[in-house]
PDB file of N, CA and C in Angstrom:
ATOM      1  N   UNK A   1       9.890  41.897 -54.620  1.00  0.00           N
ATOM      2  CA  UNK A   1      10.247  41.141 -53.777  1.00  0.00           C
ATOM      3  C   UNK A   1      12.034  41.206 -53.269  1.00  0.00           C
ATOM      4  N   UNK A   2      11.633  39.910 -51.835  1.00  0.00           N
ATOM      5  CA  UNK A   2      12.756  40.921 -51.082  1.00  0.00           C
ATOM      6  C   UNK A   2      14.120  39.975 -51.396  1.00  0.00           C
ATOM      7  N   UNK A   3      15.252  39.979 -50.860  1.00  0.00           N
ATOM      8  CA  UNK A   3      16.499  39.639 -51.884  1.00  0.00           C
ATOM      9  C   UNK A   3      16.642  37.542 -50.940  1.00  0.00           C
ATOM     10  N   UNK A   4      15.742  37.656 -49.343  1.00  0.00           N
ATOM     11  CA  UNK A   4      15.249  36.792 -49.037  1.00  0.00           C
ATOM     12  C   UNK A   4      14.751  35.411 -49.935  1.00  0.00           C
ATOM     13  N   UNK A   5      13.431  36.216 -50.374  1.00  0.00           N
ATOM     14  CA  UNK A   5      12.286  35.237 -51.163  1.00  0.00           C
ATOM     15  C   UNK A   5      12.892  35.638 -52.503  1.00  0.00           C
ATOM     16  N   UNK A   6      13.393  35.951 -53.257  1.00  0.00           N
ATOM     17  CA  UNK A   6      14.429  35.436 -54.709  1.00  0.00           C
ATOM     18  C   UNK A   6      15.446  34.202 -54.288  1.00  0.00           C
ATOM     19  N   UNK A   7      16.824  34.761 -52.968  1.00  0.00           N
ATOM     20  CA  UNK A   7      16.915  33.657 -52.197  1.00  0.00           C
ATOM     21  C   UNK A   7      16.272  31.264 -52.629  1.00  0.00           C
ATOM     22  N   UNK A   8      15.833  31.488 -51.593  1.00  0.00           N
ATOM     23  CA  UNK A   8      14.578  30.874 -51.029  1.00  0.00           C
ATOM     24  C   UNK A   8      14.390  30.263 -52.969  1.00  0.00           C
ATOM     25  N   UNK A   9      13.516  31.668 -53.843  1.00  0.00           N
ATOM     26  CA  UNK A   9      13.267  30.620 -55.094  1.00  0.00           C
ATOM     27  C   UNK A   9      14.505  30.007 -56.043  1.00  0.00           C
ATOM     28  N   UNK A  10      15.269  31.249 -56.434  1.00  0.00           N
ATOM     29  CA  UNK A  10      16.584  30.319 -56.816  1.00  0.00           C
ATOM     30  C   UNK A  10      16.801  29.303 -55.419  1.00  0.00           C
ATOM     31  N   UNK A  11      16.743  28.880 -55.383  1.00  0.00           N
ATOM     32  CA  UNK A  11      17.373  27.116 -54.248  1.00  0.00           C
ATOM     33  C   UNK A  11      16.454  26.093 -54.995  1.00  0.00           C
ATOM     34  N   UNK A  12      15.166  26.110 -55.253  1.00  0.00           N
ATOM     35  CA  UNK A  12      14.415  25.914 -55.717  1.00  0.00           C
ATOM     36  C   UNK A  12      14.487  25.505 -57.471  1.00  0.00           C
ATOM     37  N   UNK A  13      14.975  25.948 -57.541  1.00  0.00           N
ATOM     38  CA  UNK A  13      14.438  26.526 -59.060  1.00  0.00           C
ATOM     39  C   UNK A  13      15.096  25.525 -60.415  1.00  0.00           C
ATOM     40  N   UNK A  14      14.122  25.125 -61.572  1.00  0.00           N
ATOM     41  CA  UNK A  14      13.724  23.761 -61.707  1.00  0.00           C
ATOM     42  C   UNK A  14      15.319  23.604 -61.929  1.00  0.00           C
ATOM     43  N   UNK A  15      16.352  24.931 -62.231  1.00  0.00           N
ATOM     44  CA  UNK A  15      17.850  23.998 -62.812  1.00  0.00           C
ATOM     45  C   UNK A  15      18.545  23.797 -62.129  1.00  0.00           C
ATOM     46  N   UNK A  16      18.131  23.675 -60.312  1.00  0.00           N
ATOM     47  CA  UNK A  16      18.999  23.476 -59.483  1.00  0.00           C
ATOM     48  C   UNK A  16      18.661  21.585 -59.275  1.00  0.00           C
ATOM     49  N   UNK A  17      17.531  22.120 -59.137  1.00  0.00           N
ATOM     50  CA  UNK A  17      16.758  20.455 -57.929  1.00  0.00           C
ATOM     51  C   UNK A  17      17.267  19.016 -60.042  1.00  0.00           C
ATOM     52  N   UNK A  18      17.569  19.417 -61.189  1.00  0.00           N
ATOM     53  CA  UNK A  18      17.483  18.453 -61.988  1.00  0.00           C
ATOM     54  C   UNK A  18      16.410  17.685 -62.211  1.00  0.00           C
ATOM     55  N   UNK A  19      16.602  16.925 -63.087  1.00  0.00           N
ATOM     56  CA  UNK A  19      15.087  16.350 -63.303  1.00  0.00           C
ATOM     57  C   UNK A  19      14.565  14.740 -62.078  1.00  0.00           C
ATOM     58  N   UNK A  20      13.862  14.468 -62.774  1.00  0.00           N
ATOM     59  CA  UNK A  20      13.082  12.799 -61.031  1.00  0.00           C
ATOM     60  C   UNK A  20      12.943  11.885 -62.155  1.00  0.00           C
ATOM     61  N   UNK A  21      13.471  11.505 -61.171  1.00  0.00           N
ATOM     62  CA  UNK A  21      13.589   9.743 -61.780  1.00  0.00           C
ATOM     63  C   UNK A  21      12.791   9.128 -62.599  1.00  0.00           C
ATOM     64  N   UNK A  22      12.878   8.210 -63.453  1.00  0.00           N
ATOM     65  CA  UNK A  22      12.080   7.844 -64.319  1.00  0.00           C
ATOM     66  C   UNK A  22      11.503   6.283 -63.158  1.00  0.00           C
ATOM     67  N   UNK A  23       9.945   5.634 -62.727  1.00  0.00           N
ATOM     68  CA  UNK A  23       9.070   5.717 -62.238  1.00  0.00           C
ATOM     69  C   UNK A  23      10.286   3.921 -61.909  1.00  0.00           C
ATOM     70  N   UNK A  24      10.890   3.268 -63.424  1.00  0.00           N
ATOM     71  CA  UNK A  24      11.692   2.493 -63.107  1.00  0.00           C
ATOM     72  C   UNK A  24      12.708   2.953 -61.809  1.00  0.00           C
ATOM     73  N   UNK A  25      13.479   4.201 -62.225  1.00  0.00           N
ATOM     74  CA  UNK A  25      14.192   3.902 -61.488  1.00  0.00           C
ATOM     75  C   UNK A  25      14.188   4.597 -59.945  1.00  0.00           C
ATOM     76  N   UNK A  26      12.754   4.143 -59.788  1.00  0.00           N
ATOM     77  CA  UNK A  26      12.639   5.176 -57.985  1.00  0.00           C
ATOM     78  C   UNK A  26      12.675   3.664 -57.117  1.00  0.00           C
ATOM     79  N   UNK A  27      13.146   2.965 -57.836  1.00  0.00           N
ATOM     80  CA  UNK A  27      14.120   1.562 -57.300  1.00  0.00           C
ATOM     81  C   UNK A  27      11.924   0.975 -55.841  1.00  0.00           C
ATOM     82  N   UNK A  28      10.883   0.619 -56.375  1.00  0.00           N
ATOM     83  CA  UNK A  28       9.451   0.339 -56.397  1.00  0.00           C
ATOM     84  C   UNK A  28       9.479   1.552 -54.984  1.00  0.00           C
ATOM     85  N   UNK A  29       9.623   2.686 -54.301  1.00  0.00           N
ATOM     86  CA  UNK A  29       9.694   3.247 -53.649  1.00  0.00           C
ATOM     87  C   UNK A  29       8.384   4.261 -52.947  1.00  0.00           C
ATOM     88  N   UNK A  30       7.302   4.188 -54.803  1.00  0.00           N
ATOM     89  CA  UNK A  30       6.631   5.140 -54.662  1.00  0.00           C
ATOM     90  C   UNK A  30       5.226   4.866 -53.992  1.00  0.00           C
ATOM     91  N   UNK A  31       5.164   4.158 -53.466  1.00  0.00           N
ATOM     92  CA  UNK A  31       3.956   3.591 -53.367  1.00  0.00           C
ATOM     93  C   UNK A  31       3.782   3.782 -51.618  1.00  0.00           C
ATOM     94  N   UNK A  32       4.871   3.431 -51.340  1.00  0.00           N
ATOM     95  CA  UNK A  32       5.532   3.126 -49.768  1.00  0.00           C
ATOM     96  C   UNK A  32       5.638   5.019 -49.231  1.00  0.00           C
ATOM     97  N   UNK A  33       4.828   4.597 -48.451  1.00  0.00           N
ATOM     98  CA  UNK A  33       4.912   6.054 -47.505  1.00  0.00           C
ATOM     99  C   UNK A  33       5.852   6.682 -46.912  1.00  0.00           C
ATOM    100  N   UNK A  34       6.022   7.953 -46.861  1.00  0.00           N
ATOM    101  CA  UNK A  34       7.634   8.993 -46.710  1.00  0.00           C
ATOM    102  C   UNK A  34       7.719   9.171 -44.628  1.00  0.00           C
ATOM    103  N   UNK A  35       6.258   8.659 -44.494  1.00  0.00           N
ATOM    104  CA  UNK A  35       6.835   9.069 -42.829  1.00  0.00           C
ATOM    105  C   UNK A  35       4.944   7.715 -42.262  1.00  0.00           C
ATOM    106  N   UNK A  36       5.039   7.248 -41.216  1.00  0.00           N
ATOM    107  CA  UNK A  36       3.900   6.861 -40.616  1.00  0.00           C
ATOM    108  C   UNK A  36       3.081   8.172 -40.049  1.00  0.00           C
ATOM    109  N   UNK A  37       2.019   7.662 -40.153  1.00  0.00           N
ATOM    110  CA  UNK A  37       1.276   8.696 -38.723  1.00  0.00           C
ATOM    111  C   UNK A  37       1.687   8.292 -38.084  1.00  0.00           C
ATOM    112  N   UNK A  38       1.840   9.649 -36.876  1.00  0.00           N
ATOM    113  CA  UNK A  38       2.277   9.304 -36.062  1.00  0.00           C
ATOM    114  C   UNK A  38       0.504   9.087 -34.654  1.00  0.00           C
ATOM    115  N   UNK A  39       1.238   8.039 -33.691  1.00  0.00           N
ATOM    116  CA  UNK A  39      -0.202   7.264 -33.022  1.00  0.00           C
ATOM    117  C   UNK A  39      -1.025   8.076 -32.344  1.00  0.00           C
ATOM    118  N   UNK A  40      -2.222   8.355 -32.153  1.00  0.00           N
ATOM    119  CA  UNK A  40      -2.756   9.014 -31.232  1.00  0.00           C
ATOM    120  C   UNK A  40      -2.701   8.651 -30.170  1.00  0.00           C
ATOM    121  N   UNK A  41      -2.322   9.707 -28.897  1.00  0.00           N
ATOM    122  CA  UNK A  41      -1.929  10.283 -27.833  1.00  0.00           C
ATOM    123  C   UNK A  41      -2.955   9.650 -26.533  1.00  0.00           C
ATOM    124  N   UNK A  42      -2.295   9.003 -26.092  1.00  0.00           N
ATOM    125  CA  UNK A  42      -3.024   8.439 -25.061  1.00  0.00           C
ATOM    126  C   UNK A  42      -3.722  10.244 -24.093  1.00  0.00           C
ATOM    127  N   UNK A  43      -3.705  10.516 -23.834  1.00  0.00           N
ATOM    128  CA  UNK A  43      -3.160  12.065 -23.194  1.00  0.00           C
ATOM    129  C   UNK A  43      -3.209  13.165 -23.588  1.00  0.00           C
ATOM    130  N   UNK A  44      -3.810  14.730 -23.117  1.00  0.00           N
ATOM    131  CA  UNK A  44      -2.999  15.517 -23.846  1.00  0.00           C
ATOM    132  C   UNK A  44      -1.887  15.874 -24.552  1.00  0.00           C
ATOM    133  N   UNK A  45      -1.206  16.218 -24.794  1.00  0.00           N
ATOM    134  CA  UNK A  45      -0.221  17.123 -25.226  1.00  0.00           C
ATOM    135  C   UNK A  45      -0.543  18.414 -23.996  1.00  0.00           C
ATOM    136  N   UNK A  46       1.694  18.500 -24.020  1.00  0.00           N
ATOM    137  CA  UNK A  46       1.365  20.318 -23.604  1.00  0.00           C
ATOM    138  C   UNK A  46       2.730  20.092 -23.818  1.00  0.00           C
ATOM    139  N   UNK A  47       2.681  21.378 -24.144  1.00  0.00           N
ATOM    140  CA  UNK A  47       4.069  22.243 -23.962  1.00  0.00           C
ATOM    141  C   UNK A  47       5.178  22.084 -23.511  1.00  0.00           C
ATOM    142  N   UNK A  48       6.261  21.638 -23.389  1.00  0.00           N
ATOM    143  CA  UNK A  48       7.251  21.944 -22.444  1.00  0.00           C
ATOM    144  C   UNK A  48       8.392  23.510 -22.735  1.00  0.00           C
ATOM    145  N   UNK A  49       8.912  23.855 -22.007  1.00  0.00           N
ATOM    146  CA  UNK A  49       9.831  24.397 -22.891  1.00  0.00           C
ATOM    147  C   UNK A  49      11.399  25.149 -21.527  1.00  0.00           C
ATOM    148  N   UNK A  50      12.286  24.270 -22.150  1.00  0.00           N
ATOM    149  CA  UNK A  50      13.433  23.993 -21.312  1.00  0.00           C
ATOM    150  C   UNK A  50      14.465  24.829 -22.050  1.00  0.00           C
ATOM    151  N   UNK A  51      15.921  24.850 -21.446  1.00  0.00           N
ATOM    152  CA  UNK A  51      16.935  25.904 -22.328  1.00  0.00           C
ATOM    153  C   UNK A  51      18.195  24.519 -21.806  1.00  0.00           C
ATOM    154  N   UNK A  52      18.496  23.990 -23.318  1.00  0.00           N
ATOM    155  CA  UNK A  52      19.475  22.217 -22.884  1.00  0.00           C
ATOM    156  C   UNK A  52      20.384  23.978 -24.119  1.00  0.00           C
ATOM    157  N   UNK A  53      21.827  23.315 -23.824  1.00  0.00           N
ATOM    158  CA  UNK A  53      22.884  23.747 -24.870  1.00  0.00           C
ATOM    159  C   UNK A  53      22.652  23.601 -25.790  1.00  0.00           C
ATOM    160  N   UNK A  54      23.383  24.077 -26.979  1.00  0.00           N
ATOM    161  CA  UNK A  54      22.801  24.040 -28.777  1.00  0.00           C
ATOM    162  C   UNK A  54      23.637  23.231 -29.153  1.00  0.00           C
ATOM    163  N   UNK A  55      24.604  22.884 -28.515  1.00  0.00           N
ATOM    164  CA  UNK A  55      24.923  21.101 -29.177  1.00  0.00           C
ATOM    165  C   UNK A  55      23.968  20.055 -28.812  1.00  0.00           C
ATOM    166  N   UNK A  56      23.685  19.822 -27.500  1.00  0.00           N
ATOM    167  CA  UNK A  56      22.823  18.722 -27.376  1.00  0.00           C
ATOM    168  C   UNK A  56      21.166  19.065 -28.269  1.00  0.00           C
ATOM    169  N   UNK A  57      20.727  20.272 -27.597  1.00  0.00           N
ATOM    170  CA  UNK A  57      19.247  20.105 -29.191  1.00  0.00           C
ATOM    171  C   UNK A  57      19.870  19.853 -30.490  1.00  0.00           C
ATOM    172  N   UNK A  58      21.161  20.011 -30.782  1.00  0.00           N
ATOM    173  CA  UNK A  58      21.843  19.673 -32.139  1.00  0.00           C
ATOM    174  C   UNK A  58      21.592  18.637 -32.810  1.00  0.00           C
ATOM    175  N   UNK A  59      22.066  17.254 -31.545  1.00  0.00           N
ATOM    176  CA  UNK A  59      22.588  16.113 -31.023  1.00  0.00           C
ATOM    177  C   UNK A  59      20.946  15.741 -31.195  1.00  0.00           C
ATOM    178  N   UNK A  60      19.533  16.275 -30.797  1.00  0.00           N
ATOM    179  CA  UNK A  60      18.261  15.883 -30.434  1.00  0.00           C
ATOM    180  C   UNK A  60      17.996  15.476 -32.088  1.00  0.00           C
ATOM    181  N   UNK A  61      18.469  17.137 -32.766  1.00  0.00           N
ATOM    182  CA  UNK A  61      17.523  16.597 -34.064  1.00  0.00           C
ATOM    183  C   UNK A  61      17.751  15.776 -34.901  1.00  0.00           C
ATOM    184  N   UNK A  62      19.488  15.506 -34.486  1.00  0.00           N
ATOM    185  CA  UNK A  62      19.871  14.311 -35.637  1.00  0.00           C
ATOM    186  C   UNK A  62      20.005  13.037 -35.540  1.00  0.00           C
ATOM    187  N   UNK A  63      19.672  12.657 -33.899  1.00  0.00           N
ATOM    188  CA  UNK A  63      18.659  11.613 -33.470  1.00  0.00           C
ATOM    189  C   UNK A  63      17.103  11.466 -34.688  1.00  0.00           C
ATOM    190  N   UNK A  64      16.308  11.984 -33.672  1.00  0.00           N
ATOM    191  CA  UNK A  64      15.023  11.683 -33.771  1.00  0.00           C
ATOM    192  C   UNK A  64      15.005  12.244 -36.026  1.00  0.00           C
ATOM    193  N   UNK A  65      16.396  12.823 -36.786  1.00  0.00           N
ATOM    194  CA  UNK A  65      15.815  12.774 -38.563  1.00  0.00           C
ATOM    195  C   UNK A  65      16.299  11.411 -38.433  1.00  0.00           C
ATOM    196  N   UNK A  66      17.422  11.280 -38.143  1.00  0.00           N
ATOM    197  CA  UNK A  66      17.924   9.684 -38.130  1.00  0.00           C
ATOM    198  C   UNK A  66      17.213   8.619 -38.257  1.00  0.00           C
ATOM    199  N   UNK A  67      16.474   8.929 -37.238  1.00  0.00           N
ATOM    200  CA  UNK A  67      15.658   7.549 -36.528  1.00  0.00           C
ATOM    201  C   UNK A  67      14.246   7.778 -37.434  1.00  0.00           C
ATOM    202  N   UNK A  68      13.685   8.726 -38.619  1.00  0.00           N
ATOM    203  CA  UNK A  68      12.452   9.308 -38.621  1.00  0.00           C
ATOM    204  C   UNK A  68      11.182   9.430 -37.487  1.00  0.00           C
ATOM    205  N   UNK A  69      11.564   9.742 -36.304  1.00  0.00           N
ATOM    206  CA  UNK A  69      10.988  10.342 -35.338  1.00  0.00           C
ATOM    207  C   UNK A  69      10.931  11.737 -34.668  1.00  0.00           C
ATOM    208  N   UNK A  70      10.164  12.578 -34.367  1.00  0.00           N
ATOM    209  CA  UNK A  70       9.785  13.511 -33.595  1.00  0.00           C
ATOM    210  C   UNK A  70      10.567  13.774 -32.594  1.00  0.00           C
ATOM    211  N   UNK A  71      10.831  15.469 -32.756  1.00  0.00           N
ATOM    212  CA  UNK A  71      11.973  15.492 -30.913  1.00  0.00           C
ATOM    213  C   UNK A  71      11.258  15.164 -30.079  1.00  0.00           C
ATOM    214  N   UNK A  72       9.434  15.316 -29.664  1.00  0.00           N
ATOM    215  CA  UNK A  72       8.727  14.342 -28.712  1.00  0.00           C
ATOM    216  C   UNK A  72       9.605  13.214 -28.633  1.00  0.00           C
ATOM    217  N   UNK A  73       9.478  12.218 -29.469  1.00  0.00           N
ATOM    218  CA  UNK A  73       8.931  11.046 -29.470  1.00  0.00           C
ATOM    219  C   UNK A  73      10.865  10.884 -28.691  1.00  0.00           C
ATOM    220  N   UNK A  74      11.789  11.571 -29.222  1.00  0.00           N
ATOM    221  CA  UNK A  74      13.142  11.313 -29.089  1.00  0.00           C
ATOM    222  C   UNK A  74      13.351  11.583 -27.522  1.00  0.00           C
ATOM    223  N   UNK A  75      12.714  12.805 -26.742  1.00  0.00           N
ATOM    224  CA  UNK A  75      12.339  13.517 -25.926  1.00  0.00           C
ATOM    225  C   UNK A  75      11.395  12.877 -24.331  1.00  0.00           C
ATOM    226  N   UNK A  76      10.520  12.053 -24.521  1.00  0.00           N
ATOM    227  CA  UNK A  76       9.609  10.732 -24.551  1.00  0.00           C
ATOM    228  C   UNK A  76      10.293   9.478 -24.169  1.00  0.00           C
ATOM    229  N   UNK A  77      11.434   9.153 -25.069  1.00  0.00           N
ATOM    230  CA  UNK A  77      11.976   8.082 -25.572  1.00  0.00           C
ATOM    231  C   UNK A  77      12.970   7.962 -24.016  1.00  0.00           C
ATOM    232  N   UNK A  78      14.013   9.337 -24.015  1.00  0.00           N
ATOM    233  CA  UNK A  78      14.755   9.472 -23.044  1.00  0.00           C
ATOM    234  C   UNK A  78      14.324   9.119 -21.679  1.00  0.00           C
ATOM    235  N   UNK A  79      13.097   9.876 -21.224  1.00  0.00           N
ATOM    236  CA  UNK A  79      12.551   9.939 -19.643  1.00  0.00           C
ATOM    237  C   UNK A  79      11.935   8.446 -19.615  1.00  0.00           C
ATOM    238  N   UNK A  80      11.799   7.987 -20.374  1.00  0.00           N
ATOM    239  CA  UNK A  80      11.129   6.100 -20.037  1.00  0.00           C
ATOM    240  C   UNK A  80      12.413   5.557 -19.934  1.00  0.00           C
ATOM    241  N   UNK A  81      14.175   5.827 -20.382  1.00  0.00           N
ATOM    242  CA  UNK A  81      15.181   4.905 -19.924  1.00  0.00           C
ATOM    243  C   UNK A  81      15.641   5.930 -18.682  1.00  0.00           C
ATOM    244  N   UNK A  82      15.256   6.911 -18.231  1.00  0.00           N
ATOM    245  CA  UNK A  82      15.963   7.376 -17.435  1.00  0.00           C
ATOM    246  C   UNK A  82      15.275   7.432 -16.305  1.00  0.00           C
ATOM    247  N   UNK A  83      13.709   7.090 -16.156  1.00  0.00           N
ATOM    248  CA  UNK A  83      13.016   6.446 -15.357  1.00  0.00           C
ATOM    249  C   UNK A  83      13.595   4.618 -15.433  1.00  0.00           C
ATOM    250  N   UNK A  84      13.518   4.122 -15.980  1.00  0.00           N
ATOM    251  CA  UNK A  84      14.472   2.344 -15.955  1.00  0.00           C
ATOM    252  C   UNK A  84      15.939   2.469 -15.173  1.00  0.00           C
ATOM    253  N   UNK A  85      16.379   3.302 -15.171  1.00  0.00           N
ATOM    254  CA  UNK A  85      17.410   3.494 -14.516  1.00  0.00           C
ATOM    255  C   UNK A  85      17.890   4.388 -13.220  1.00  0.00           C
ATOM    256  N   UNK A  86      16.252   5.171 -12.933  1.00  0.00           N
ATOM    257  CA  UNK A  86      16.366   5.574 -11.706  1.00  0.00           C
ATOM    258  C   UNK A  86      15.704   4.652 -10.857  1.00  0.00           C
ATOM    259  N   UNK A  87      14.909   4.916 -12.380  1.00  0.00           N
ATOM    260  CA  UNK A  87      13.419   4.722 -10.815  1.00  0.00           C
ATOM    261  C   UNK A  87      12.146   5.500 -11.364  1.00  0.00           C
ATOM    262  N   UNK A  88      10.834   5.476 -10.875  1.00  0.00           N
ATOM    263  CA  UNK A  88       9.564   5.586 -11.710  1.00  0.00           C
ATOM    264  C   UNK A  88       9.460   7.171 -10.387  1.00  0.00           C
ATOM    265  N   UNK A  89       9.047   7.892 -11.438  1.00  0.00           N
ATOM    266  CA  UNK A  89       8.306   9.342 -10.848  1.00  0.00           C
ATOM    267  C   UNK A  89       6.811   8.508 -10.143  1.00  0.00           C
ATOM    268  N   UNK A  90       6.786   9.607  -8.900  1.00  0.00           N
ATOM    269  CA  UNK A  90       5.246   9.047  -9.018  1.00  0.00           C
ATOM    270  C   UNK A  90       3.922   9.505  -9.564  1.00  0.00           C
ATOM    271  N   UNK A  91       3.143   8.368  -8.638  1.00  0.00           N
ATOM    272  CA  UNK A  91       1.676   9.103 -10.257  1.00  0.00           C
ATOM    273  C   UNK A  91       1.233  10.539  -9.962  1.00  0.00           C
ATOM    274  N   UNK A  92       0.784  11.256 -10.487  1.00  0.00           N
ATOM    275  CA  UNK A  92       0.219  11.635  -9.999  1.00  0.00           C
ATOM    276  C   UNK A  92      -0.707  12.481 -10.495  1.00  0.00           C
TER     277      UNK A  92
END
């Protein structure tokens, strides 16, 4: 087993995670889904590769995690806000 595998295995060892809470201690959240299922896209999704400063990528990830969204959702919402401010792009 490699050192990396040992490290990861040790990170999730039962002694490191602690004891799971009792159902009464879970504050009625056991039946709530962790995240909502993503909506079906209205058109096919494609990959876009761009370079951004590392600090901007970190901010994008933090915003997405804070709001429980994916990076694509945050970027698409940013596109909508940009078009509101500067005008919509022509339809092609």
